[in-house]
Amino acid sequence: LLGGWMPFNLRRNPRFYPLVWLFDVSCTACGVSFFMTFDNLFN
């Protein structure tokens, strides 16, 4: 989802793919929430 690097080669290990994907989803939700809050206050 986001790419980047994780220790122990976790991002390329298929056994940890669901956990890595959930972490990426959490980071995405955080960024979008920042954007929405900023946008709403500004407007």
PDB file of all heavy atoms in Angstrom:
ATOM      1  N   LEU A   1       0.825  -1.212   0.000  1.00  0.00           N
ATOM      2  CA  LEU A   1       0.000   0.000   0.000  1.00  0.00           C
ATOM      3  C   LEU A   1       0.855   1.255   0.000  1.00  0.00           C
ATOM      4  O   LEU A   1       0.654   2.151  -0.831  1.00  0.00           O
ATOM      5  CB  LEU A   1      -0.935  -0.014   1.213  1.00  0.00           C
ATOM      6  CG  LEU A   1      -1.833   1.220   1.404  1.00  0.00           C
ATOM      7  CD1 LEU A   1      -2.672   1.468   0.161  1.00  0.00           C
ATOM      8  CD2 LEU A   1      -2.720   1.031   2.628  1.00  0.00           C
ATOM      9  N   LEU A   2       1.810   1.363   0.922  1.00  0.00           N
ATOM     10  CA  LEU A   2       2.622   2.570   1.048  1.00  0.00           C
ATOM     11  C   LEU A   2       4.076   2.357   0.647  1.00  0.00           C
ATOM     12  O   LEU A   2       4.767   3.322   0.322  1.00  0.00           O
ATOM     13  CB  LEU A   2       2.586   3.090   2.496  1.00  0.00           C
ATOM     14  CG  LEU A   2       1.215   3.511   3.023  1.00  0.00           C
ATOM     15  CD1 LEU A   2       1.341   4.037   4.450  1.00  0.00           C
ATOM     16  CD2 LEU A   2       0.565   4.561   2.128  1.00  0.00           C
ATOM     17  N   GLY A   3       4.545   1.137   0.674  1.00  0.00           N
ATOM     18  CA  GLY A   3       5.947   0.908   0.385  1.00  0.00           C
ATOM     19  C   GLY A   3       6.821   1.364   1.545  1.00  0.00           C
ATOM     20  O   GLY A   3       6.351   1.618   2.652  1.00  0.00           O
ATOM     21  N   GLY A   4       8.125   1.496   1.288  1.00  0.00           N
ATOM     22  CA  GLY A   4       9.036   1.900   2.346  1.00  0.00           C
ATOM     23  C   GLY A   4       9.808   0.717   2.896  1.00  0.00           C
ATOM     24  O   GLY A   4       9.908  -0.349   2.260  1.00  0.00           O
ATOM     25  N   TRP A   5      10.337   0.893   4.100  1.00  0.00           N
ATOM     26  CA  TRP A   5      11.230  -0.113   4.662  1.00  0.00           C
ATOM     27  C   TRP A   5      10.770  -0.498   6.058  1.00  0.00           C
ATOM     28  O   TRP A   5      10.259   0.334   6.814  1.00  0.00           O
ATOM     29  CB  TRP A   5      12.647   0.436   4.720  1.00  0.00           C
ATOM     30  CG  TRP A   5      13.651  -0.498   5.337  1.00  0.00           C
ATOM     31  CD1 TRP A   5      14.297  -1.527   4.718  1.00  0.00           C
ATOM     32  CD2 TRP A   5      14.132  -0.487   6.686  1.00  0.00           C
ATOM     33  NE1 TRP A   5      15.149  -2.166   5.593  1.00  0.00           N
ATOM     34  CE2 TRP A   5      15.069  -1.539   6.815  1.00  0.00           C
ATOM     35  CE3 TRP A   5      13.851   0.310   7.806  1.00  0.00           C
ATOM     36  CZ2 TRP A   5      15.734  -1.815   8.004  1.00  0.00           C
ATOM     37  CZ3 TRP A   5      14.510   0.035   8.994  1.00  0.00           C
ATOM     38  CH2 TRP A   5      15.444  -1.010   9.094  1.00  0.00           C
ATOM     39  N   MET A   6      10.956  -1.754   6.402  1.00  0.00           N
ATOM     40  CA  MET A   6      10.734  -2.262   7.749  1.00  0.00           C
ATOM     41  C   MET A   6      11.864  -3.208   8.120  1.00  0.00           C
ATOM     42  O   MET A   6      12.421  -3.872   7.227  1.00  0.00           O
ATOM     43  CB  MET A   6       9.391  -2.993   7.857  1.00  0.00           C
ATOM     44  CG  MET A   6       8.188  -2.080   7.969  1.00  0.00           C
ATOM     45  SD  MET A   6       6.675  -3.001   8.311  1.00  0.00           S
ATOM     46  CE  MET A   6       5.531  -1.656   8.599  1.00  0.00           C
ATOM     47  N   PRO A   7      12.217  -3.303   9.382  1.00  0.00           N
ATOM     48  CA  PRO A   7      13.305  -4.204   9.779  1.00  0.00           C
ATOM     49  C   PRO A   7      12.946  -5.669   9.547  1.00  0.00           C
ATOM     50  O   PRO A   7      11.770  -6.025   9.433  1.00  0.00           O
ATOM     51  CB  PRO A   7      13.482  -3.891  11.274  1.00  0.00           C
ATOM     52  CG  PRO A   7      12.168  -3.334  11.711  1.00  0.00           C
ATOM     53  CD  PRO A   7      11.635  -2.585  10.529  1.00  0.00           C
ATOM     54  N   PHE A   8      13.992  -6.486   9.477  1.00  0.00           N
ATOM     55  CA  PHE A   8      13.852  -7.935   9.304  1.00  0.00           C
ATOM     56  C   PHE A   8      13.129  -8.304   8.000  1.00  0.00           C
ATOM     57  O   PHE A   8      12.520  -9.365   7.897  1.00  0.00           O
ATOM     58  CB  PHE A   8      13.116  -8.568  10.488  1.00  0.00           C
ATOM     59  CG  PHE A   8      13.663  -8.168  11.826  1.00  0.00           C
ATOM     60  CD1 PHE A   8      12.915  -7.369  12.677  1.00  0.00           C
ATOM     61  CD2 PHE A   8      14.936  -8.564  12.215  1.00  0.00           C
ATOM     62  CE1 PHE A   8      13.421  -6.977  13.909  1.00  0.00           C
ATOM     63  CE2 PHE A   8      15.453  -8.184  13.450  1.00  0.00           C
ATOM     64  CZ  PHE A   8      14.695  -7.387  14.310  1.00  0.00           C
ATOM     65  N   ASN A   9      13.166  -7.346   7.040  1.00  0.00           N
ATOM     66  CA  ASN A   9      12.575  -7.593   5.716  1.00  0.00           C
ATOM     67  C   ASN A   9      11.084  -7.940   5.802  1.00  0.00           C
ATOM     68  O   ASN A   9      10.566  -8.752   5.024  1.00  0.00           O
ATOM     69  CB  ASN A   9      13.331  -8.724   5.016  1.00  0.00           C
ATOM     70  CG  ASN A   9      13.267  -8.613   3.514  1.00  0.00           C
ATOM     71  OD1 ASN A   9      13.075  -7.527   2.965  1.00  0.00           O
ATOM     72  ND2 ASN A   9      13.413  -9.740   2.827  1.00  0.00           N
ATOM     73  N   LEU A  10      10.398  -7.316   6.766  1.00  0.00           N
ATOM     74  CA  LEU A  10       8.986  -7.642   6.993  1.00  0.00           C
ATOM     75  C   LEU A  10       8.117  -7.313   5.788  1.00  0.00           C
ATOM     76  O   LEU A  10       7.133  -8.012   5.514  1.00  0.00           O
ATOM     77  CB  LEU A  10       8.476  -6.888   8.224  1.00  0.00           C
ATOM     78  CG  LEU A  10       9.059  -7.305   9.582  1.00  0.00           C
ATOM     79  CD1 LEU A  10       8.471  -6.442  10.694  1.00  0.00           C
ATOM     80  CD2 LEU A  10       8.767  -8.777   9.852  1.00  0.00           C
ATOM     81  N   ARG A  11       8.446  -6.233   5.085  1.00  0.00           N
ATOM     82  CA  ARG A  11       7.592  -5.814   3.954  1.00  0.00           C
ATOM     83  C   ARG A  11       7.607  -6.821   2.813  1.00  0.00           C
ATOM     84  O   ARG A  11       6.658  -6.883   2.048  1.00  0.00           O
ATOM     85  CB  ARG A  11       8.012  -4.438   3.452  1.00  0.00           C
ATOM     86  CG  ARG A  11       7.509  -3.290   4.297  1.00  0.00           C
ATOM     87  CD  ARG A  11       7.437  -1.997   3.518  1.00  0.00           C
ATOM     88  NE  ARG A  11       6.843  -0.939   4.316  1.00  0.00           N
ATOM     89  CZ  ARG A  11       5.547  -0.699   4.398  1.00  0.00           C
ATOM     90  NH1 ARG A  11       4.705  -1.476   3.717  1.00  0.00           N
ATOM     91  NH2 ARG A  11       5.083   0.285   5.120  1.00  0.00           N
ATOM     92  N   ARG A  12       8.660  -7.573   2.690  1.00  0.00           N
ATOM     93  CA  ARG A  12       8.752  -8.541   1.584  1.00  0.00           C
ATOM     94  C   ARG A  12       8.420  -9.966   2.024  1.00  0.00           C
ATOM     95  O   ARG A  12       8.420 -10.870   1.209  1.00  0.00           O
ATOM     96  CB  ARG A  12      10.157  -8.495   0.981  1.00  0.00           C
ATOM     97  CG  ARG A  12      10.468  -7.151   0.322  1.00  0.00           C
ATOM     98  CD  ARG A  12      11.878  -7.138  -0.244  1.00  0.00           C
ATOM     99  NE  ARG A  12      12.071  -8.170  -1.262  1.00  0.00           N
ATOM    100  CZ  ARG A  12      11.699  -8.041  -2.532  1.00  0.00           C
ATOM    101  NH1 ARG A  12      11.102  -6.938  -2.943  1.00  0.00           N
ATOM    102  NH2 ARG A  12      11.918  -9.012  -3.387  1.00  0.00           N
ATOM    103  N   ASN A  13       8.103 -10.119   3.312  1.00  0.00           N
ATOM    104  CA  ASN A  13       7.780 -11.438   3.836  1.00  0.00           C
ATOM    105  C   ASN A  13       6.272 -11.671   3.763  1.00  0.00           C
ATOM    106  O   ASN A  13       5.498 -10.979   4.416  1.00  0.00           O
ATOM    107  CB  ASN A  13       8.248 -11.546   5.292  1.00  0.00           C
ATOM    108  CG  ASN A  13       8.190 -12.974   5.814  1.00  0.00           C
ATOM    109  OD1 ASN A  13       7.378 -13.796   5.376  1.00  0.00           O
ATOM    110  ND2 ASN A  13       9.059 -13.280   6.765  1.00  0.00           N
ATOM    111  N   PRO A  14       5.802 -12.641   2.962  1.00  0.00           N
ATOM    112  CA  PRO A  14       4.352 -12.845   2.797  1.00  0.00           C
ATOM    113  C   PRO A  14       3.653 -13.259   4.089  1.00  0.00           C
ATOM    114  O   PRO A  14       2.446 -13.046   4.227  1.00  0.00           O
ATOM    115  CB  PRO A  14       4.259 -13.945   1.736  1.00  0.00           C
ATOM    116  CG  PRO A  14       5.599 -14.579   1.690  1.00  0.00           C
ATOM    117  CD  PRO A  14       6.588 -13.552   2.119  1.00  0.00           C
ATOM    118  N   ARG A  15       4.398 -13.842   5.051  1.00  0.00           N
ATOM    119  CA  ARG A  15       3.760 -14.240   6.309  1.00  0.00           C
ATOM    120  C   ARG A  15       3.266 -13.043   7.106  1.00  0.00           C
ATOM    121  O   ARG A  15       2.307 -13.147   7.876  1.00  0.00           O
ATOM    122  CB  ARG A  15       4.743 -15.054   7.149  1.00  0.00           C
ATOM    123  CG  ARG A  15       5.065 -16.426   6.605  1.00  0.00           C
ATOM    124  CD  ARG A  15       5.990 -17.184   7.535  1.00  0.00           C
ATOM    125  NE  ARG A  15       6.216 -18.547   7.074  1.00  0.00           N
ATOM    126  CZ  ARG A  15       7.150 -18.888   6.205  1.00  0.00           C
ATOM    127  NH1 ARG A  15       7.930 -17.943   5.688  1.00  0.00           N
ATOM    128  NH2 ARG A  15       7.289 -20.153   5.826  1.00  0.00           N
ATOM    129  N   PHE A  16       3.928 -11.894   6.928  1.00  0.00           N
ATOM    130  CA  PHE A  16       3.568 -10.687   7.679  1.00  0.00           C
ATOM    131  C   PHE A  16       2.784  -9.687   6.830  1.00  0.00           C
ATOM    132  O   PHE A  16       2.581  -8.552   7.252  1.00  0.00           O
ATOM    133  CB  PHE A  16       4.833 -10.014   8.229  1.00  0.00           C
ATOM    134  CG  PHE A  16       5.552 -10.833   9.263  1.00  0.00           C
ATOM    135  CD1 PHE A  16       6.609 -11.653   8.890  1.00  0.00           C
ATOM    136  CD2 PHE A  16       5.164 -10.798  10.589  1.00  0.00           C
ATOM    137  CE1 PHE A  16       7.277 -12.413   9.828  1.00  0.00           C
ATOM    138  CE2 PHE A  16       5.819 -11.556  11.534  1.00  0.00           C
ATOM    139  CZ  PHE A  16       6.876 -12.361  11.161  1.00  0.00           C
ATOM    140  N   TYR A  17       2.374 -10.110   5.641  1.00  0.00           N
ATOM    141  CA  TYR A  17       1.680  -9.168   4.744  1.00  0.00           C
ATOM    142  C   TYR A  17       0.411  -8.583   5.377  1.00  0.00           C
ATOM    143  O   TYR A  17       0.203  -7.362   5.301  1.00  0.00           O
ATOM    144  CB  TYR A  17       1.342  -9.853   3.420  1.00  0.00           C
ATOM    145  CG  TYR A  17       0.693  -8.924   2.417  1.00  0.00           C
ATOM    146  CD1 TYR A  17       1.458  -8.059   1.652  1.00  0.00           C
ATOM    147  CD2 TYR A  17      -0.701  -8.895   2.265  1.00  0.00           C
ATOM    148  CE1 TYR A  17       0.867  -7.186   0.744  1.00  0.00           C
ATOM    149  CE2 TYR A  17      -1.297  -8.027   1.357  1.00  0.00           C
ATOM    150  CZ  TYR A  17      -0.512  -7.184   0.606  1.00  0.00           C
ATOM    151  OH  TYR A  17      -1.095  -6.310  -0.277  1.00  0.00           O
ATOM    152  N   PRO A  18      -0.461  -9.371   6.022  1.00  0.00           N
ATOM    153  CA  PRO A  18      -1.670  -8.774   6.623  1.00  0.00           C
ATOM    154  C   PRO A  18      -1.352  -7.723   7.679  1.00  0.00           C
ATOM    155  O   PRO A  18      -1.996  -6.665   7.724  1.00  0.00           O
ATOM    156  CB  PRO A  18      -2.400  -9.984   7.231  1.00  0.00           C
ATOM    157  CG  PRO A  18      -1.900 -11.153   6.462  1.00  0.00           C
ATOM    158  CD  PRO A  18      -0.472 -10.847   6.161  1.00  0.00           C
ATOM    159  N   LEU A  19      -0.348  -7.985   8.522  1.00  0.00           N
ATOM    160  CA  LEU A  19       0.002  -7.025   9.571  1.00  0.00           C
ATOM    161  C   LEU A  19       0.589  -5.750   8.963  1.00  0.00           C
ATOM    162  O   LEU A  19       0.268  -4.637   9.404  1.00  0.00           O
ATOM    163  CB  LEU A  19       0.995  -7.661  10.546  1.00  0.00           C
ATOM    164  CG  LEU A  19       0.469  -8.815  11.401  1.00  0.00           C
ATOM    165  CD1 LEU A  19       1.573  -9.384  12.280  1.00  0.00           C
ATOM    166  CD2 LEU A  19      -0.702  -8.342  12.264  1.00  0.00           C
ATOM    167  N   VAL A  20       1.455  -5.907   7.972  1.00  0.00           N
ATOM    168  CA  VAL A  20       2.038  -4.740   7.309  1.00  0.00           C
ATOM    169  C   VAL A  20       0.952  -3.933   6.603  1.00  0.00           C
ATOM    170  O   VAL A  20       0.943  -2.695   6.649  1.00  0.00           O
ATOM    171  CB  VAL A  20       3.132  -5.178   6.312  1.00  0.00           C
ATOM    172  CG1 VAL A  20       3.619  -3.984   5.493  1.00  0.00           C
ATOM    173  CG2 VAL A  20       4.290  -5.824   7.055  1.00  0.00           C
ATOM    174  N   TRP A  21       0.034  -4.637   5.956  1.00  0.00           N
ATOM    175  CA  TRP A  21      -1.070  -3.944   5.266  1.00  0.00           C
ATOM    176  C   TRP A  21      -1.936  -3.177   6.266  1.00  0.00           C
ATOM    177  O   TRP A  21      -2.330  -2.030   6.002  1.00  0.00           O
ATOM    178  CB  TRP A  21      -1.905  -4.958   4.495  1.00  0.00           C
ATOM    179  CG  TRP A  21      -3.048  -4.347   3.731  1.00  0.00           C
ATOM    180  CD1 TRP A  21      -2.994  -3.693   2.529  1.00  0.00           C
ATOM    181  CD2 TRP A  21      -4.419  -4.309   4.135  1.00  0.00           C
ATOM    182  NE1 TRP A  21      -4.241  -3.262   2.151  1.00  0.00           N
ATOM    183  CE2 TRP A  21      -5.147  -3.623   3.125  1.00  0.00           C
ATOM    184  CE3 TRP A  21      -5.113  -4.796   5.246  1.00  0.00           C
ATOM    185  CZ2 TRP A  21      -6.508  -3.412   3.205  1.00  0.00           C
ATOM    186  CZ3 TRP A  21      -6.484  -4.586   5.322  1.00  0.00           C
ATOM    187  CH2 TRP A  21      -7.168  -3.898   4.310  1.00  0.00           C
ATOM    188  N   LEU A  22      -2.237  -3.753   7.418  1.00  0.00           N
ATOM    189  CA  LEU A  22      -3.030  -3.067   8.444  1.00  0.00           C
ATOM    190  C   LEU A  22      -2.291  -1.836   8.974  1.00  0.00           C
ATOM    191  O   LEU A  22      -2.904  -0.797   9.242  1.00  0.00           O
ATOM    192  CB  LEU A  22      -3.363  -4.019   9.587  1.00  0.00           C
ATOM    193  CG  LEU A  22      -4.406  -5.094   9.290  1.00  0.00           C
ATOM    194  CD1 LEU A  22      -4.539  -6.052  10.471  1.00  0.00           C
ATOM    195  CD2 LEU A  22      -5.768  -4.449   8.983  1.00  0.00           C
ATOM    196  N   PHE A  23      -0.969  -1.945   9.125  1.00  0.00           N
ATOM    197  CA  PHE A  23      -0.181  -0.776   9.547  1.00  0.00           C
ATOM    198  C   PHE A  23      -0.265   0.323   8.502  1.00  0.00           C
ATOM    199  O   PHE A  23      -0.434   1.509   8.836  1.00  0.00           O
ATOM    200  CB  PHE A  23       1.273  -1.185   9.776  1.00  0.00           C
ATOM    201  CG  PHE A  23       2.187  -0.025  10.061  1.00  0.00           C
ATOM    202  CD1 PHE A  23       2.185   0.578  11.308  1.00  0.00           C
ATOM    203  CD2 PHE A  23       3.042   0.455   9.082  1.00  0.00           C
ATOM    204  CE1 PHE A  23       3.021   1.662  11.571  1.00  0.00           C
ATOM    205  CE2 PHE A  23       3.878   1.533   9.331  1.00  0.00           C
ATOM    206  CZ  PHE A  23       3.869   2.139  10.588  1.00  0.00           C
ATOM    207  N   ASP A  24      -0.148  -0.045   7.229  1.00  0.00           N
ATOM    208  CA  ASP A  24      -0.246   0.942   6.152  1.00  0.00           C
ATOM    209  C   ASP A  24      -1.635   1.585   6.112  1.00  0.00           C
ATOM    210  O   ASP A  24      -1.766   2.788   5.862  1.00  0.00           O
ATOM    211  CB  ASP A  24       0.064   0.285   4.811  1.00  0.00           C
ATOM    212  CG  ASP A  24       1.544   0.000   4.634  1.00  0.00           C
ATOM    213  OD1 ASP A  24       2.336   0.475   5.465  1.00  0.00           O
ATOM    214  OD2 ASP A  24       1.901  -0.702   3.665  1.00  0.00           O
ATOM    215  N   VAL A  25      -2.672   0.785   6.329  1.00  0.00           N
ATOM    216  CA  VAL A  25      -4.030   1.325   6.356  1.00  0.00           C
ATOM    217  C   VAL A  25      -4.180   2.323   7.505  1.00  0.00           C
ATOM    218  O   VAL A  25      -4.794   3.397   7.349  1.00  0.00           O
ATOM    219  CB  VAL A  25      -5.068   0.187   6.486  1.00  0.00           C
ATOM    220  CG1 VAL A  25      -6.461   0.762   6.785  1.00  0.00           C
ATOM    221  CG2 VAL A  25      -5.113  -0.634   5.217  1.00  0.00           C
ATOM    222  N   SER A  26      -3.598   2.011   8.663  1.00  0.00           N
ATOM    223  CA  SER A  26      -3.656   2.926   9.806  1.00  0.00           C
ATOM    224  C   SER A  26      -2.955   4.239   9.487  1.00  0.00           C
ATOM    225  O   SER A  26      -3.469   5.323   9.799  1.00  0.00           O
ATOM    226  CB  SER A  26      -3.009   2.272  11.035  1.00  0.00           C
ATOM    227  OG  SER A  26      -3.673   1.079  11.387  1.00  0.00           O
ATOM    228  N   CYS A  27      -1.777   4.159   8.853  1.00  0.00           N
ATOM    229  CA  CYS A  27      -1.056   5.378   8.468  1.00  0.00           C
ATOM    230  C   CYS A  27      -1.838   6.172   7.421  1.00  0.00           C
ATOM    231  O   CYS A  27      -1.865   7.407   7.459  1.00  0.00           O
ATOM    232  CB  CYS A  27       0.326   5.018   7.931  1.00  0.00           C
ATOM    233  SG  CYS A  27       1.451   4.352   9.175  1.00  0.00           S
ATOM    234  N   THR A  28      -2.484   5.468   6.496  1.00  0.00           N
ATOM    235  CA  THR A  28      -3.292   6.146   5.479  1.00  0.00           C
ATOM    236  C   THR A  28      -4.476   6.865   6.110  1.00  0.00           C
ATOM    237  O   THR A  28      -4.769   8.024   5.781  1.00  0.00           O
ATOM    238  CB  THR A  28      -3.790   5.129   4.440  1.00  0.00           C
ATOM    239  OG1 THR A  28      -2.679   4.473   3.843  1.00  0.00           O
ATOM    240  CG2 THR A  28      -4.617   5.816   3.363  1.00  0.00           C
ATOM    241  N   ALA A  29      -5.176   6.178   7.033  1.00  0.00           N
ATOM    242  CA  ALA A  29      -6.303   6.804   7.729  1.00  0.00           C
ATOM    243  C   ALA A  29      -5.853   8.020   8.519  1.00  0.00           C
ATOM    244  O   ALA A  29      -6.553   9.045   8.571  1.00  0.00           O
ATOM    245  CB  ALA A  29      -6.971   5.785   8.655  1.00  0.00           C
ATOM    246  N   CYS A  30      -4.665   7.936   9.117  1.00  0.00           N
ATOM    247  CA  CYS A  30      -4.119   9.073   9.869  1.00  0.00           C
ATOM    248  C   CYS A  30      -3.878  10.265   8.948  1.00  0.00           C
ATOM    249  O   CYS A  30      -4.269  11.394   9.259  1.00  0.00           O
ATOM    250  CB  CYS A  30      -2.818   8.643  10.550  1.00  0.00           C
ATOM    251  SG  CYS A  30      -1.892   9.986  11.309  1.00  0.00           S
ATOM    252  N   GLY A  31      -3.237  10.022   7.797  1.00  0.00           N
ATOM    253  CA  GLY A  31      -2.968  11.109   6.860  1.00  0.00           C
ATOM    254  C   GLY A  31      -4.232  11.731   6.299  1.00  0.00           C
ATOM    255  O   GLY A  31      -4.350  12.954   6.201  1.00  0.00           O
ATOM    256  N   VAL A  32      -5.198  10.888   5.929  1.00  0.00           N
ATOM    257  CA  VAL A  32      -6.457  11.398   5.385  1.00  0.00           C
ATOM    258  C   VAL A  32      -7.219  12.184   6.455  1.00  0.00           C
ATOM    259  O   VAL A  32      -7.843  13.213   6.167  1.00  0.00           O
ATOM    260  CB  VAL A  32      -7.321  10.241   4.843  1.00  0.00           C
ATOM    261  CG1 VAL A  32      -8.691  10.740   4.409  1.00  0.00           C
ATOM    262  CG2 VAL A  32      -6.618   9.570   3.664  1.00  0.00           C
ATOM    263  N   SER A  33      -7.158  11.728   7.703  1.00  0.00           N
ATOM    264  CA  SER A  33      -7.823  12.454   8.794  1.00  0.00           C
ATOM    265  C   SER A  33      -7.185  13.818   9.005  1.00  0.00           C
ATOM    266  O   SER A  33      -7.881  14.813   9.232  1.00  0.00           O
ATOM    267  CB  SER A  33      -7.759  11.635  10.078  1.00  0.00           C
ATOM    268  OG  SER A  33      -8.429  12.300  11.130  1.00  0.00           O
ATOM    269  N   PHE A  34      -5.841  13.871   8.938  1.00  0.00           N
ATOM    270  CA  PHE A  34      -5.158  15.167   8.993  1.00  0.00           C
ATOM    271  C   PHE A  34      -5.691  16.088   7.897  1.00  0.00           C
ATOM    272  O   PHE A  34      -6.009  17.257   8.136  1.00  0.00           O
ATOM    273  CB  PHE A  34      -3.652  14.977   8.799  1.00  0.00           C
ATOM    274  CG  PHE A  34      -2.898  14.633  10.053  1.00  0.00           C
ATOM    275  CD1 PHE A  34      -1.759  13.861   9.994  1.00  0.00           C
ATOM    276  CD2 PHE A  34      -3.311  15.099  11.289  1.00  0.00           C
ATOM    277  CE1 PHE A  34      -1.047  13.546  11.141  1.00  0.00           C
ATOM    278  CE2 PHE A  34      -2.608  14.784  12.452  1.00  0.00           C
ATOM    279  CZ  PHE A  34      -1.473  14.008  12.376  1.00  0.00           C
ATOM    280  N   PHE A  35      -5.745  15.544   6.700  1.00  0.00           N
ATOM    281  CA  PHE A  35      -6.158  16.339   5.537  1.00  0.00           C
ATOM    282  C   PHE A  35      -7.594  16.828   5.692  1.00  0.00           C
ATOM    283  O   PHE A  35      -7.902  18.000   5.424  1.00  0.00           O
ATOM    284  CB  PHE A  35      -6.024  15.490   4.276  1.00  0.00           C
ATOM    285  CG  PHE A  35      -6.209  16.254   3.003  1.00  0.00           C
ATOM    286  CD1 PHE A  35      -5.178  16.988   2.462  1.00  0.00           C
ATOM    287  CD2 PHE A  35      -7.426  16.247   2.337  1.00  0.00           C
ATOM    288  CE1 PHE A  35      -5.346  17.702   1.290  1.00  0.00           C
ATOM    289  CE2 PHE A  35      -7.609  16.944   1.165  1.00  0.00           C
ATOM    290  CZ  PHE A  35      -6.562  17.676   0.637  1.00  0.00           C
ATOM    291  N   MET A  36      -8.499  15.938   6.121  1.00  0.00           N
ATOM    292  CA  MET A  36      -9.904  16.302   6.285  1.00  0.00           C
ATOM    293  C   MET A  36     -10.096  17.354   7.374  1.00  0.00           C
ATOM    294  O   MET A  36     -10.897  18.290   7.228  1.00  0.00           O
ATOM    295  CB  MET A  36     -10.732  15.059   6.611  1.00  0.00           C
ATOM    296  CG  MET A  36     -10.912  14.114   5.449  1.00  0.00           C
ATOM    297  SD  MET A  36     -11.965  14.828   4.166  1.00  0.00           S
ATOM    298  CE  MET A  36     -12.101  13.443   3.041  1.00  0.00           C
ATOM    299  N   THR A  37      -9.377  17.204   8.490  1.00  0.00           N
ATOM    300  CA  THR A  37      -9.496  18.170   9.577  1.00  0.00           C
ATOM    301  C   THR A  37      -9.008  19.538   9.143  1.00  0.00           C
ATOM    302  O   THR A  37      -9.659  20.560   9.388  1.00  0.00           O
ATOM    303  CB  THR A  37      -8.689  17.691  10.799  1.00  0.00           C
ATOM    304  OG1 THR A  37      -9.137  16.388  11.189  1.00  0.00           O
ATOM    305  CG2 THR A  37      -8.863  18.635  11.968  1.00  0.00           C
ATOM    306  N   PHE A  38      -7.848  19.568   8.505  1.00  0.00           N
ATOM    307  CA  PHE A  38      -7.300  20.825   7.986  1.00  0.00           C
ATOM    308  C   PHE A  38      -8.269  21.468   7.007  1.00  0.00           C
ATOM    309  O   PHE A  38      -8.565  22.668   7.091  1.00  0.00           O
ATOM    310  CB  PHE A  38      -5.958  20.541   7.298  1.00  0.00           C
ATOM    311  CG  PHE A  38      -5.312  21.748   6.673  1.00  0.00           C
ATOM    312  CD1 PHE A  38      -4.331  22.441   7.355  1.00  0.00           C
ATOM    313  CD2 PHE A  38      -5.671  22.175   5.393  1.00  0.00           C
ATOM    314  CE1 PHE A  38      -3.717  23.548   6.779  1.00  0.00           C
ATOM    315  CE2 PHE A  38      -5.074  23.274   4.818  1.00  0.00           C
ATOM    316  CZ  PHE A  38      -4.083  23.967   5.513  1.00  0.00           C
ATOM    317  N   ASP A  39      -8.766  20.662   6.086  1.00  0.00           N
ATOM    318  CA  ASP A  39      -9.662  21.175   5.048  1.00  0.00           C
ATOM    319  C   ASP A  39     -10.947  21.734   5.642  1.00  0.00           C
ATOM    320  O   ASP A  39     -11.397  22.812   5.258  1.00  0.00           O
ATOM    321  CB  ASP A  39      -9.973  20.051   4.060  1.00  0.00           C
ATOM    322  CG  ASP A  39     -10.973  20.450   2.993  1.00  0.00           C
ATOM    323  OD1 ASP A  39     -10.593  21.169   2.068  1.00  0.00           O
ATOM    324  OD2 ASP A  39     -12.147  20.044   3.115  1.00  0.00           O
ATOM    325  N   ASN A  40     -11.536  21.026   6.608  1.00  0.00           N
ATOM    326  CA  ASN A  40     -12.791  21.482   7.190  1.00  0.00           C
ATOM    327  C   ASN A  40     -12.601  22.784   7.961  1.00  0.00           C
ATOM    328  O   ASN A  40     -13.397  23.724   7.815  1.00  0.00           O
ATOM    329  CB  ASN A  40     -13.371  20.410   8.110  1.00  0.00           C
ATOM    330  CG  ASN A  40     -14.764  20.745   8.574  1.00  0.00           C
ATOM    331  OD1 ASN A  40     -15.656  21.022   7.780  1.00  0.00           O
ATOM    332  ND2 ASN A  40     -14.979  20.736   9.888  1.00  0.00           N
ATOM    333  N   LEU A  41     -11.551  22.863   8.778  1.00  0.00           N
ATOM    334  CA  LEU A  41     -11.297  24.084   9.538  1.00  0.00           C
ATOM    335  C   LEU A  41     -11.027  25.263   8.602  1.00  0.00           C
ATOM    336  O   LEU A  41     -11.549  26.359   8.810  1.00  0.00           O
ATOM    337  CB  LEU A  41     -10.110  23.881  10.480  1.00  0.00           C
ATOM    338  CG  LEU A  41     -10.354  22.997  11.703  1.00  0.00           C
ATOM    339  CD1 LEU A  41      -9.046  22.689  12.420  1.00  0.00           C
ATOM    340  CD2 LEU A  41     -11.338  23.662  12.664  1.00  0.00           C
ATOM    341  N   PHE A  42     -10.223  25.023   7.587  1.00  0.00           N
ATOM    342  CA  PHE A  42      -9.890  26.092   6.644  1.00  0.00           C
ATOM    343  C   PHE A  42     -11.140  26.637   5.961  1.00  0.00           C
ATOM    344  O   PHE A  42     -11.336  27.847   5.868  1.00  0.00           O
ATOM    345  CB  PHE A  42      -8.904  25.562   5.597  1.00  0.00           C
ATOM    346  CG  PHE A  42      -8.563  26.548   4.520  1.00  0.00           C
ATOM    347  CD1 PHE A  42      -7.620  27.527   4.743  1.00  0.00           C
ATOM    348  CD2 PHE A  42      -9.187  26.495   3.282  1.00  0.00           C
ATOM    349  CE1 PHE A  42      -7.302  28.448   3.754  1.00  0.00           C
ATOM    350  CE2 PHE A  42      -8.885  27.406   2.287  1.00  0.00           C
ATOM    351  CZ  PHE A  42      -7.932  28.379   2.521  1.00  0.00           C
ATOM    352  N   ASN A  43     -12.007  25.746   5.502  1.00  0.00           N
ATOM    353  CA  ASN A  43     -13.186  26.177   4.759  1.00  0.00           C
ATOM    354  C   ASN A  43     -14.276  26.761   5.660  1.00  0.00           C
ATOM    355  O   ASN A  43     -14.953  27.708   5.263  1.00  0.00           O
ATOM    356  CB  ASN A  43     -13.742  25.005   3.950  1.00  0.00           C
ATOM    357  CG  ASN A  43     -12.905  24.703   2.720  1.00  0.00           C
ATOM    358  OD1 ASN A  43     -12.990  25.384   1.712  1.00  0.00           O
ATOM    359  ND2 ASN A  43     -12.067  23.683   2.810  1.00  0.00           N
TER     360      ASN A  43
END
